[in-house]
N, C-alpha and C. Protein backbone atom coordinates (compact mmCIF):
# COMPACT_ATOMS: atom_id res chain seq x y z
N MET A 1 214.34 286.37 298.28
CA MET A 1 213.66 286.00 299.52
C MET A 1 214.10 284.62 299.95
N VAL A 2 214.26 284.44 301.26
CA VAL A 2 214.60 283.14 301.83
C VAL A 2 213.56 282.77 302.89
N LEU A 3 213.11 281.52 302.84
CA LEU A 3 212.24 280.99 303.87
C LEU A 3 213.05 280.06 304.74
N TYR A 4 213.02 280.30 306.04
CA TYR A 4 213.78 279.53 307.01
C TYR A 4 212.86 278.68 307.87
N LEU A 5 213.39 277.54 308.33
CA LEU A 5 212.75 276.77 309.38
C LEU A 5 213.20 277.34 310.71
N ASP A 6 212.27 277.59 311.59
CA ASP A 6 212.57 278.08 312.94
C ASP A 6 212.45 276.91 313.90
N SER A 7 213.56 276.23 314.14
CA SER A 7 213.53 275.00 314.94
C SER A 7 214.94 274.55 315.26
N ALA A 8 215.08 273.77 316.32
CA ALA A 8 216.36 273.10 316.63
C ALA A 8 216.15 271.59 316.71
N ILE A 9 215.05 271.10 316.17
CA ILE A 9 214.75 269.68 316.19
C ILE A 9 215.20 269.07 314.87
N ALA A 10 216.12 268.08 314.96
CA ALA A 10 216.70 267.51 313.75
C ALA A 10 215.66 266.87 312.85
N SER A 11 214.67 266.21 313.42
CA SER A 11 213.67 265.54 312.60
C SER A 11 212.85 266.58 311.79
N GLU A 12 212.63 267.75 312.35
CA GLU A 12 211.93 268.82 311.62
C GLU A 12 212.83 269.38 310.52
N ALA A 13 214.13 269.48 310.82
CA ALA A 13 215.08 269.95 309.81
C ALA A 13 215.14 268.98 308.63
N GLU A 14 215.03 267.69 308.89
CA GLU A 14 215.02 266.69 307.83
C GLU A 14 213.80 266.85 306.93
N ILE A 15 212.64 267.11 307.54
CA ILE A 15 211.42 267.34 306.75
C ILE A 15 211.56 268.60 305.90
N ALA A 16 212.09 269.66 306.50
CA ALA A 16 212.26 270.91 305.78
C ALA A 16 213.25 270.74 304.62
N LYS A 17 214.26 269.93 304.82
CA LYS A 17 215.22 269.69 303.74
C LYS A 17 214.55 269.00 302.57
N ARG A 18 213.67 268.04 302.85
CA ARG A 18 212.97 267.33 301.78
C ARG A 18 212.02 268.26 301.02
N MET A 19 211.51 269.28 301.69
CA MET A 19 210.63 270.22 301.00
C MET A 19 211.34 270.86 299.80
N GLY A 20 212.63 271.16 299.95
CA GLY A 20 213.40 271.68 298.85
C GLY A 20 213.37 273.19 298.69
N TRP A 21 212.40 273.85 299.31
CA TRP A 21 212.28 275.31 299.18
C TRP A 21 212.55 276.05 300.49
N VAL A 22 212.92 275.32 301.51
CA VAL A 22 213.33 275.95 302.79
C VAL A 22 214.84 276.04 302.76
N LYS A 23 215.37 277.24 302.88
CA LYS A 23 216.78 277.48 302.53
C LYS A 23 217.71 277.67 303.72
N GLY A 24 217.24 277.49 304.93
CA GLY A 24 218.11 277.64 306.09
C GLY A 24 217.34 277.40 307.36
N ILE A 25 218.04 277.55 308.49
CA ILE A 25 217.43 277.26 309.79
C ILE A 25 217.79 278.37 310.77
N THR A 26 216.80 278.80 311.53
CA THR A 26 217.05 279.73 312.63
C THR A 26 216.80 279.03 313.96
N THR A 27 217.65 279.32 314.92
CA THR A 27 217.46 278.77 316.27
C THR A 27 217.48 279.92 317.27
N ASN A 28 217.08 279.61 318.49
CA ASN A 28 217.25 280.53 319.62
C ASN A 28 217.43 279.69 320.87
N PRO A 29 217.77 280.31 322.00
CA PRO A 29 218.02 279.51 323.20
C PRO A 29 216.85 278.62 323.62
N THR A 30 215.62 279.12 323.45
CA THR A 30 214.46 278.33 323.82
C THR A 30 214.32 277.10 322.93
N LEU A 31 214.55 277.28 321.64
CA LEU A 31 214.47 276.16 320.72
C LEU A 31 215.56 275.14 320.97
N LEU A 32 216.77 275.62 321.26
CA LEU A 32 217.87 274.69 321.55
C LEU A 32 217.59 273.87 322.81
N ALA A 33 216.89 274.48 323.75
CA ALA A 33 216.56 273.76 325.00
C ALA A 33 215.58 272.62 324.74
N GLN A 34 214.87 272.67 323.60
CA GLN A 34 213.91 271.61 323.26
C GLN A 34 214.60 270.39 322.66
N SER A 35 215.85 270.53 322.28
CA SER A 35 216.59 269.40 321.74
C SER A 35 217.13 268.54 322.88
N SER A 36 217.16 267.25 322.66
CA SER A 36 217.66 266.33 323.70
C SER A 36 219.17 266.28 323.75
N ALA A 37 219.84 266.82 322.74
CA ALA A 37 221.30 266.81 322.68
C ALA A 37 221.87 268.14 323.18
N PRO A 38 223.15 268.16 323.57
CA PRO A 38 223.80 269.43 323.93
C PRO A 38 223.83 270.37 322.73
N PRO A 39 223.87 271.69 322.98
CA PRO A 39 223.81 272.66 321.89
C PRO A 39 224.85 272.44 320.82
N GLU A 40 226.09 272.13 321.19
CA GLU A 40 227.13 271.94 320.17
C GLU A 40 226.77 270.81 319.22
N MET A 41 226.29 269.70 319.76
CA MET A 41 225.92 268.56 318.93
C MET A 41 224.71 268.89 318.06
N THR A 42 223.75 269.59 318.65
CA THR A 42 222.56 269.98 317.90
C THR A 42 222.92 270.89 316.72
N LEU A 43 223.78 271.87 316.98
CA LEU A 43 224.17 272.79 315.92
C LEU A 43 224.91 272.08 314.80
N LYS A 44 225.78 271.16 315.12
CA LYS A 44 226.51 270.39 314.11
C LYS A 44 225.53 269.59 313.24
N LYS A 45 224.55 268.98 313.89
CA LYS A 45 223.58 268.17 313.14
C LYS A 45 222.71 269.04 312.26
N LEU A 46 222.27 270.18 312.78
CA LEU A 46 221.44 271.08 311.98
C LEU A 46 222.22 271.63 310.79
N ALA A 47 223.49 271.96 311.00
CA ALA A 47 224.31 272.48 309.91
C ALA A 47 224.44 271.46 308.79
N ALA A 48 224.47 270.17 309.15
CA ALA A 48 224.58 269.12 308.16
C ALA A 48 223.27 268.89 307.41
N LEU A 49 222.17 269.39 307.97
CA LEU A 49 220.85 269.17 307.38
C LEU A 49 220.36 270.34 306.53
N THR A 50 221.21 271.36 306.34
CA THR A 50 220.85 272.46 305.47
C THR A 50 222.06 272.91 304.70
N ASN A 51 221.84 273.34 303.48
CA ASN A 51 222.92 273.92 302.67
C ASN A 51 223.00 275.42 302.86
N GLY A 52 222.04 275.97 303.61
CA GLY A 52 221.98 277.41 303.78
C GLY A 52 222.46 277.84 305.14
N PRO A 53 222.12 279.07 305.53
CA PRO A 53 222.56 279.60 306.81
C PRO A 53 221.94 278.90 308.01
N LEU A 54 222.69 278.90 309.11
CA LEU A 54 222.19 278.43 310.40
C LEU A 54 222.42 279.55 311.40
N TYR A 55 221.32 280.05 311.96
CA TYR A 55 221.39 281.17 312.89
C TYR A 55 221.58 280.65 314.32
N TYR A 56 222.52 281.27 315.04
CA TYR A 56 222.74 280.95 316.45
C TYR A 56 222.63 282.24 317.26
N GLN A 57 221.83 282.22 318.34
CA GLN A 57 221.62 283.40 319.16
C GLN A 57 222.52 283.39 320.40
N LEU A 58 223.25 284.46 320.60
CA LEU A 58 224.14 284.57 321.76
C LEU A 58 223.35 284.63 323.05
N THR A 59 223.89 283.98 324.08
CA THR A 59 223.23 284.00 325.39
C THR A 59 224.02 284.77 326.44
N ALA A 60 225.31 284.99 326.19
CA ALA A 60 226.11 285.78 327.11
C ALA A 60 225.57 287.21 327.14
N SER A 61 225.83 287.94 328.23
CA SER A 61 225.27 289.29 328.38
C SER A 61 226.33 290.39 328.39
N ASP A 62 227.61 290.03 328.56
CA ASP A 62 228.67 291.03 328.57
C ASP A 62 229.44 290.99 327.26
N PHE A 63 230.11 292.08 326.95
CA PHE A 63 230.77 292.22 325.65
C PHE A 63 231.76 291.09 325.40
N ASP A 64 232.68 290.88 326.30
CA ASP A 64 233.72 289.87 326.09
C ASP A 64 233.11 288.48 325.95
N GLY A 65 232.14 288.18 326.80
CA GLY A 65 231.49 286.88 326.73
C GLY A 65 230.75 286.66 325.42
N MET A 66 230.09 287.71 324.93
CA MET A 66 229.35 287.61 323.68
C MET A 66 230.28 287.41 322.49
N VAL A 67 231.40 288.13 322.50
CA VAL A 67 232.37 287.99 321.42
C VAL A 67 232.95 286.58 321.41
N GLN A 68 233.31 286.08 322.59
CA GLN A 68 233.85 284.72 322.69
C GLN A 68 232.82 283.69 322.25
N GLU A 69 231.57 283.86 322.67
CA GLU A 69 230.51 282.91 322.31
C GLU A 69 230.27 282.93 320.79
N GLY A 70 230.29 284.12 320.21
CA GLY A 70 230.10 284.23 318.76
C GLY A 70 231.19 283.51 317.99
N LYS A 71 232.43 283.66 318.45
CA LYS A 71 233.54 283.00 317.79
C LYS A 71 233.46 281.49 317.97
N LYS A 72 233.01 281.05 319.13
CA LYS A 72 232.85 279.61 319.36
C LYS A 72 231.79 279.03 318.45
N ALA A 73 230.68 279.77 318.29
CA ALA A 73 229.62 279.30 317.39
C ALA A 73 230.14 279.16 315.97
N PHE A 74 230.97 280.10 315.57
CA PHE A 74 231.53 280.05 314.21
C PHE A 74 232.46 278.86 314.07
N GLU A 75 233.20 278.51 315.10
CA GLU A 75 234.07 277.35 315.06
C GLU A 75 233.26 276.06 314.87
N ILE A 76 232.07 276.02 315.47
CA ILE A 76 231.23 274.83 315.39
C ILE A 76 230.49 274.77 314.06
N ILE A 77 229.91 275.87 313.62
CA ILE A 77 229.03 275.88 312.45
C ILE A 77 229.78 276.17 311.16
N GLY A 78 230.78 277.00 311.23
CA GLY A 78 231.55 277.36 310.04
C GLY A 78 230.90 278.47 309.24
N GLU A 79 231.12 278.44 307.93
CA GLU A 79 230.70 279.54 307.06
C GLU A 79 229.19 279.69 306.99
N GLN A 80 228.45 278.69 307.43
CA GLN A 80 226.98 278.81 307.44
C GLN A 80 226.48 279.71 308.56
N THR A 81 227.35 280.09 309.45
CA THR A 81 226.95 280.82 310.67
C THR A 81 226.36 282.20 310.36
N ILE A 82 225.20 282.48 310.96
CA ILE A 82 224.74 283.85 311.13
C ILE A 82 224.44 284.02 312.62
N LEU A 83 225.15 284.91 313.25
CA LEU A 83 224.94 285.15 314.67
C LEU A 83 223.70 286.02 314.87
N LYS A 84 222.89 285.65 315.85
CA LYS A 84 221.76 286.47 316.26
C LYS A 84 222.20 287.20 317.53
N ILE A 85 222.28 288.51 317.43
CA ILE A 85 222.79 289.32 318.54
C ILE A 85 221.67 290.27 319.00
N PRO A 86 221.38 290.29 320.29
CA PRO A 86 220.25 291.09 320.77
C PRO A 86 220.39 292.59 320.50
N ALA A 87 219.27 293.23 320.27
CA ALA A 87 219.23 294.66 320.00
C ALA A 87 219.33 295.44 321.30
N THR A 88 220.52 295.42 321.88
CA THR A 88 220.83 296.16 323.10
C THR A 88 222.09 296.99 322.84
N PRO A 89 222.36 297.97 323.67
CA PRO A 89 223.58 298.76 323.46
C PRO A 89 224.85 297.89 323.37
N VAL A 90 225.00 296.94 324.28
CA VAL A 90 226.18 296.08 324.20
C VAL A 90 226.10 295.16 322.99
N GLY A 91 224.90 294.73 322.64
CA GLY A 91 224.73 293.89 321.46
C GLY A 91 225.19 294.60 320.19
N PHE A 92 224.84 295.86 320.05
CA PHE A 92 225.29 296.63 318.89
C PHE A 92 226.81 296.77 318.86
N GLU A 93 227.42 296.90 320.03
CA GLU A 93 228.88 296.95 320.09
C GLU A 93 229.50 295.64 319.58
N VAL A 94 228.87 294.54 319.95
CA VAL A 94 229.35 293.23 319.51
C VAL A 94 229.20 293.08 318.00
N VAL A 95 228.09 293.54 317.46
CA VAL A 95 227.90 293.50 316.01
C VAL A 95 229.00 294.28 315.32
N ALA A 96 229.28 295.48 315.80
CA ALA A 96 230.33 296.31 315.20
C ALA A 96 231.69 295.64 315.29
N CYS A 97 231.90 294.86 316.33
CA CYS A 97 233.17 294.15 316.52
C CYS A 97 233.28 292.95 315.59
N LEU A 98 232.21 292.17 315.45
CA LEU A 98 232.28 290.88 314.78
C LEU A 98 231.83 290.86 313.33
N SER A 99 231.08 291.87 312.90
CA SER A 99 230.41 291.80 311.60
C SER A 99 231.38 291.73 310.42
N SER A 100 232.62 292.18 310.61
CA SER A 100 233.60 292.07 309.52
C SER A 100 234.17 290.66 309.41
N GLN A 101 233.95 289.83 310.46
CA GLN A 101 234.49 288.48 310.48
C GLN A 101 233.42 287.41 310.33
N ILE A 102 232.25 287.65 310.92
CA ILE A 102 231.16 286.68 310.94
C ILE A 102 229.88 287.42 310.56
N THR A 103 229.05 286.81 309.74
CA THR A 103 227.78 287.44 309.39
C THR A 103 226.92 287.58 310.64
N CYS A 104 226.39 288.78 310.84
CA CYS A 104 225.62 289.07 312.05
C CYS A 104 224.21 289.52 311.70
N SER A 105 223.29 289.12 312.54
CA SER A 105 221.94 289.68 312.52
C SER A 105 221.66 290.30 313.88
N VAL A 106 220.71 291.19 313.91
CA VAL A 106 220.29 291.77 315.19
C VAL A 106 218.86 291.32 315.44
N THR A 107 218.63 290.73 316.60
CA THR A 107 217.34 290.14 316.90
C THR A 107 216.59 290.94 317.97
N ALA A 108 215.30 290.73 318.03
CA ALA A 108 214.42 291.40 318.98
C ALA A 108 214.41 292.91 318.79
N ILE A 109 214.29 293.33 317.53
CA ILE A 109 214.15 294.76 317.21
C ILE A 109 212.70 295.16 317.36
N TYR A 110 212.48 296.25 318.07
CA TYR A 110 211.11 296.73 318.28
C TYR A 110 210.92 298.19 317.85
N SER A 111 211.93 298.76 317.19
CA SER A 111 211.76 300.12 316.69
C SER A 111 212.59 300.31 315.44
N ALA A 112 212.17 301.21 314.58
CA ALA A 112 212.89 301.50 313.36
C ALA A 112 214.25 302.09 313.67
N SER A 113 214.37 302.82 314.77
CA SER A 113 215.66 303.42 315.14
C SER A 113 216.68 302.33 315.47
N GLN A 114 216.23 301.24 316.10
CA GLN A 114 217.13 300.13 316.36
C GLN A 114 217.60 299.49 315.05
N ALA A 115 216.71 299.43 314.06
CA ALA A 115 217.11 298.91 312.75
C ALA A 115 218.20 299.78 312.14
N ALA A 116 218.09 301.08 312.32
CA ALA A 116 219.11 301.99 311.80
C ALA A 116 220.45 301.74 312.46
N VAL A 117 220.44 301.54 313.77
CA VAL A 117 221.69 301.24 314.48
C VAL A 117 222.27 299.91 314.02
N ALA A 118 221.40 298.91 313.82
CA ALA A 118 221.86 297.61 313.34
C ALA A 118 222.58 297.76 312.00
N LYS A 119 222.02 298.56 311.13
CA LYS A 119 222.65 298.81 309.82
C LYS A 119 224.02 299.45 309.98
N GLU A 120 224.10 300.47 310.80
CA GLU A 120 225.35 301.17 310.98
C GLU A 120 226.42 300.32 311.66
N ALA A 121 225.96 299.37 312.48
CA ALA A 121 226.90 298.48 313.16
C ALA A 121 227.42 297.38 312.24
N GLY A 122 226.78 297.20 311.11
CA GLY A 122 227.26 296.23 310.15
C GLY A 122 226.44 294.95 310.04
N ALA A 123 225.26 294.94 310.64
CA ALA A 123 224.41 293.75 310.60
C ALA A 123 223.91 293.50 309.17
N LYS A 124 223.91 292.25 308.77
CA LYS A 124 223.37 291.87 307.47
C LYS A 124 221.85 291.71 307.53
N ILE A 125 221.36 291.31 308.72
CA ILE A 125 219.93 291.01 308.88
C ILE A 125 219.40 291.74 310.11
N ALA A 126 218.22 292.32 309.99
CA ALA A 126 217.50 292.92 311.12
C ALA A 126 216.22 292.09 311.33
N ILE A 127 216.06 291.55 312.55
CA ILE A 127 214.97 290.62 312.81
C ILE A 127 213.86 291.29 313.62
N ALA A 128 212.65 291.17 313.10
CA ALA A 128 211.47 291.72 313.78
C ALA A 128 210.56 290.57 314.21
N TYR A 129 210.12 290.58 315.47
CA TYR A 129 209.15 289.60 315.96
C TYR A 129 207.76 290.16 315.72
N VAL A 130 207.17 289.77 314.60
CA VAL A 130 205.98 290.46 314.12
C VAL A 130 204.79 290.30 315.05
N ASN A 131 204.41 289.05 315.34
CA ASN A 131 203.23 288.83 316.17
C ASN A 131 203.45 289.34 317.58
N ARG A 132 204.64 289.13 318.10
CA ARG A 132 204.94 289.62 319.46
C ARG A 132 204.88 291.14 319.48
N ALA A 133 205.37 291.81 318.43
CA ALA A 133 205.29 293.26 318.37
C ALA A 133 203.85 293.73 318.29
N THR A 134 203.02 292.97 317.60
CA THR A 134 201.59 293.33 317.57
C THR A 134 201.00 293.25 318.97
N ARG A 135 201.34 292.21 319.70
CA ARG A 135 200.81 292.06 321.07
C ARG A 135 201.35 293.14 322.01
N LEU A 136 202.59 293.51 321.86
CA LEU A 136 203.22 294.43 322.80
C LEU A 136 203.11 295.90 322.38
N LEU A 137 203.12 296.14 321.06
CA LEU A 137 203.13 297.51 320.56
C LEU A 137 201.86 297.89 319.82
N GLY A 138 201.12 296.89 319.35
CA GLY A 138 199.86 297.18 318.67
C GLY A 138 199.84 296.83 317.19
N ASP A 139 201.02 296.87 316.51
CA ASP A 139 201.01 296.61 315.07
C ASP A 139 202.41 296.17 314.62
N GLY A 140 202.61 294.87 314.56
CA GLY A 140 203.90 294.35 314.13
C GLY A 140 204.18 294.56 312.67
N ILE A 141 203.12 294.57 311.85
CA ILE A 141 203.29 294.83 310.42
C ILE A 141 203.77 296.26 310.18
N ALA A 142 203.26 297.20 310.96
CA ALA A 142 203.72 298.58 310.86
C ALA A 142 205.19 298.69 311.23
N LEU A 143 205.63 297.90 312.21
CA LEU A 143 207.05 297.88 312.58
C LEU A 143 207.90 297.46 311.39
N VAL A 144 207.49 296.40 310.70
CA VAL A 144 208.23 295.93 309.52
C VAL A 144 208.25 297.03 308.46
N ARG A 145 207.12 297.69 308.26
CA ARG A 145 207.04 298.74 307.26
C ARG A 145 207.99 299.90 307.61
N ASP A 146 208.03 300.28 308.87
CA ASP A 146 208.91 301.38 309.29
C ASP A 146 210.38 300.96 309.15
N MET A 147 210.69 299.73 309.49
CA MET A 147 212.07 299.24 309.33
C MET A 147 212.46 299.25 307.86
N ALA A 148 211.54 298.81 306.99
CA ALA A 148 211.83 298.77 305.56
C ALA A 148 212.12 300.17 305.02
N SER A 149 211.40 301.16 305.51
CA SER A 149 211.63 302.55 305.09
C SER A 149 213.02 303.01 305.50
N ILE A 150 213.40 302.69 306.71
CA ILE A 150 214.71 303.11 307.23
C ILE A 150 215.84 302.40 306.49
N LEU A 151 215.64 301.15 306.17
CA LEU A 151 216.72 300.33 305.58
C LEU A 151 216.75 300.34 304.07
N ALA A 152 215.80 301.02 303.45
CA ALA A 152 215.73 301.04 301.98
C ALA A 152 217.06 301.53 301.39
N GLY A 153 217.55 300.80 300.40
CA GLY A 153 218.78 301.17 299.73
C GLY A 153 220.05 300.70 300.42
N SER A 154 219.90 300.08 301.59
CA SER A 154 221.06 299.57 302.32
C SER A 154 221.24 298.08 302.04
N GLU A 155 222.31 297.52 302.58
CA GLU A 155 222.57 296.08 302.42
C GLU A 155 221.97 295.27 303.57
N THR A 156 221.31 295.93 304.51
CA THR A 156 220.70 295.23 305.64
C THR A 156 219.28 294.83 305.29
N GLU A 157 218.99 293.55 305.45
CA GLU A 157 217.69 293.00 305.07
C GLU A 157 216.87 292.63 306.31
N ILE A 158 215.58 292.53 306.12
CA ILE A 158 214.66 292.26 307.23
C ILE A 158 214.22 290.82 307.22
N LEU A 159 214.35 290.19 308.37
CA LEU A 159 213.84 288.84 308.58
C LEU A 159 212.65 288.94 309.54
N ALA A 160 211.49 288.50 309.10
CA ALA A 160 210.30 288.53 309.95
C ALA A 160 210.15 287.19 310.67
N ALA A 161 210.06 287.25 311.97
CA ALA A 161 209.86 286.07 312.83
C ALA A 161 208.58 286.25 313.61
N SER A 162 208.26 285.26 314.46
CA SER A 162 207.05 285.30 315.26
C SER A 162 205.83 285.52 314.35
N ILE A 163 205.68 284.61 313.40
CA ILE A 163 204.58 284.66 312.43
C ILE A 163 203.57 283.58 312.83
N LYS A 164 202.32 283.96 312.99
CA LYS A 164 201.31 283.02 313.51
C LYS A 164 200.25 282.61 312.50
N SER A 165 200.32 283.10 311.28
CA SER A 165 199.32 282.71 310.28
C SER A 165 199.88 282.97 308.89
N PRO A 166 199.35 282.27 307.87
CA PRO A 166 199.77 282.57 306.49
C PRO A 166 199.49 284.03 306.11
N GLN A 167 198.40 284.57 306.61
CA GLN A 167 198.06 285.96 306.31
C GLN A 167 199.13 286.92 306.88
N GLU A 168 199.59 286.63 308.09
CA GLU A 168 200.62 287.46 308.71
C GLU A 168 201.94 287.32 307.97
N ALA A 169 202.21 286.11 307.46
CA ALA A 169 203.43 285.89 306.67
C ALA A 169 203.39 286.74 305.41
N ALA A 170 202.28 286.69 304.67
CA ALA A 170 202.16 287.48 303.45
C ALA A 170 202.20 288.97 303.74
N ALA A 171 201.55 289.41 304.81
CA ALA A 171 201.53 290.83 305.15
C ALA A 171 202.93 291.32 305.50
N SER A 172 203.72 290.49 306.13
CA SER A 172 205.10 290.87 306.47
C SER A 172 205.93 291.11 305.23
N LEU A 173 205.77 290.22 304.24
CA LEU A 173 206.50 290.39 302.98
C LEU A 173 206.00 291.63 302.24
N GLN A 174 204.69 291.85 302.25
CA GLN A 174 204.13 293.02 301.58
C GLN A 174 204.59 294.31 302.26
N ALA A 175 204.89 294.24 303.56
CA ALA A 175 205.34 295.44 304.29
C ALA A 175 206.82 295.70 304.09
N GLY A 176 207.54 294.74 303.49
CA GLY A 176 208.95 295.00 303.19
C GLY A 176 209.92 294.00 303.75
N ALA A 177 209.46 292.95 304.42
CA ALA A 177 210.37 291.91 304.90
C ALA A 177 210.97 291.19 303.71
N HIS A 178 212.25 290.88 303.81
CA HIS A 178 212.93 290.16 302.74
C HIS A 178 212.85 288.64 302.95
N HIS A 179 212.77 288.23 304.21
CA HIS A 179 212.82 286.82 304.55
C HIS A 179 211.82 286.52 305.66
N LEU A 180 211.45 285.23 305.78
CA LEU A 180 210.59 284.77 306.85
C LEU A 180 211.22 283.58 307.52
N THR A 181 211.07 283.47 308.83
CA THR A 181 211.40 282.23 309.52
C THR A 181 210.15 281.73 310.22
N LEU A 182 209.85 280.45 310.00
CA LEU A 182 208.58 279.88 310.44
C LEU A 182 208.79 278.50 311.05
N PRO A 183 208.02 278.16 312.08
CA PRO A 183 208.04 276.77 312.56
C PRO A 183 207.52 275.83 311.47
N LEU A 184 207.82 274.56 311.62
CA LEU A 184 207.46 273.60 310.58
C LEU A 184 205.98 273.64 310.22
N ALA A 185 205.11 273.68 311.22
CA ALA A 185 203.67 273.68 310.95
C ALA A 185 203.27 274.88 310.12
N MET A 186 203.90 276.03 310.36
CA MET A 186 203.56 277.22 309.59
C MET A 186 204.12 277.16 308.18
N LEU A 187 205.29 276.56 307.99
CA LEU A 187 205.81 276.34 306.65
C LEU A 187 204.84 275.49 305.84
N GLN A 188 204.32 274.45 306.48
CA GLN A 188 203.35 273.60 305.80
C GLN A 188 202.06 274.35 305.52
N ALA A 189 201.67 275.23 306.45
CA ALA A 189 200.42 275.98 306.28
C ALA A 189 200.47 276.97 305.12
N ILE A 190 201.62 277.65 304.94
CA ILE A 190 201.69 278.64 303.87
C ILE A 190 201.71 277.98 302.49
N ALA A 191 202.01 276.68 302.44
CA ALA A 191 202.02 275.97 301.17
C ALA A 191 200.68 275.33 300.85
N THR A 192 199.71 275.52 301.73
CA THR A 192 198.45 274.80 301.62
C THR A 192 197.26 275.74 301.51
N HIS A 193 196.31 275.39 300.66
CA HIS A 193 195.03 276.08 300.61
C HIS A 193 193.95 275.07 300.22
N GLU A 194 192.85 275.09 300.91
CA GLU A 194 191.81 274.09 300.67
C GLU A 194 191.28 274.14 299.23
N LEU A 195 191.26 275.31 298.63
CA LEU A 195 190.76 275.41 297.26
C LEU A 195 191.75 274.81 296.26
N SER A 196 193.04 274.87 296.58
CA SER A 196 194.03 274.22 295.71
C SER A 196 193.78 272.72 295.67
N GLN A 197 193.57 272.13 296.84
CA GLN A 197 193.32 270.69 296.91
C GLN A 197 192.02 270.33 296.20
N LYS A 198 191.01 271.13 296.37
CA LYS A 198 189.73 270.86 295.72
C LYS A 198 189.85 270.93 294.20
N THR A 199 190.60 271.92 293.73
CA THR A 199 190.79 272.07 292.28
C THR A 199 191.52 270.86 291.70
N ILE A 200 192.56 270.39 292.37
CA ILE A 200 193.31 269.24 291.89
C ILE A 200 192.45 267.99 291.90
N GLU A 201 191.62 267.85 292.90
CA GLU A 201 190.72 266.69 292.95
C GLU A 201 189.74 266.71 291.79
N GLU A 202 189.30 267.89 291.39
CA GLU A 202 188.39 268.00 290.25
C GLU A 202 189.08 267.61 288.95
N PHE A 203 190.35 268.05 288.79
CA PHE A 203 191.12 267.65 287.60
C PHE A 203 191.29 266.13 287.56
N ALA A 204 191.62 265.55 288.72
CA ALA A 204 191.84 264.11 288.79
C ALA A 204 190.57 263.33 288.46
N LYS A 205 189.43 263.88 288.86
CA LYS A 205 188.16 263.19 288.65
C LYS A 205 187.70 263.27 287.21
N ASN A 206 187.95 264.41 286.57
CA ASN A 206 187.37 264.66 285.26
C ASN A 206 188.37 264.57 284.10
N GLY A 207 189.65 264.47 284.40
CA GLY A 207 190.65 264.53 283.33
C GLY A 207 191.48 263.27 283.21
N ILE A 208 192.42 263.26 282.28
CA ILE A 208 193.34 262.14 282.10
C ILE A 208 194.74 262.67 281.95
N GLY A 209 195.72 261.79 282.14
CA GLY A 209 197.13 262.16 281.98
C GLY A 209 197.94 260.95 281.57
N LEU A 210 199.24 261.05 281.66
CA LEU A 210 200.11 259.96 281.27
C LEU A 210 199.97 258.80 282.23
N LYS A 211 200.04 257.58 281.71
CA LYS A 211 199.99 256.38 282.54
C LYS A 211 201.41 256.04 283.00
N ILE A 212 201.55 255.75 284.28
CA ILE A 212 202.87 255.39 284.81
C ILE A 212 202.76 254.10 285.62
């Protein structure tokens, strides 16, 4: 399992790096727009702030443009690149074209059948927007479960995005997601529980340890 930071803000990437257990970064066009620097500069800085994968989402809409954009992203990011390619007919064509050269993921999947196509096209990662699917379809966790059933035994793994609570994060993993991508506040939230803090305070109050 890999936990990713979902952000294009360098200061957040620095915090995630210090955490030590966040293994990569996912971006999208909306997140890149929140950075004060041009996308190329932002991507270079983010790549330097993680030892793991850096996801870049294509914005072009035609086949040739998407292929060119994907190759350009790889030139900027290098071997850390995972392309996020939309789950559309042309997007699947692009995955089939590029997946032997650049690691590809398929993003915005809303059906198990799309996950099957992503697998056949050569995608390494199938991305489900869990909370958004709940709002639009009724049950984002069920979507993850259906995708997991379709992809069982394959090399295509599920990345759950659009996670709005620690409970939703855990439910996504229980449903079969292999990885999670979370904004910084949610990464901090899944590592925190009020009873953990209370328990540690009780140990500190009533116990002793090494003097430093």
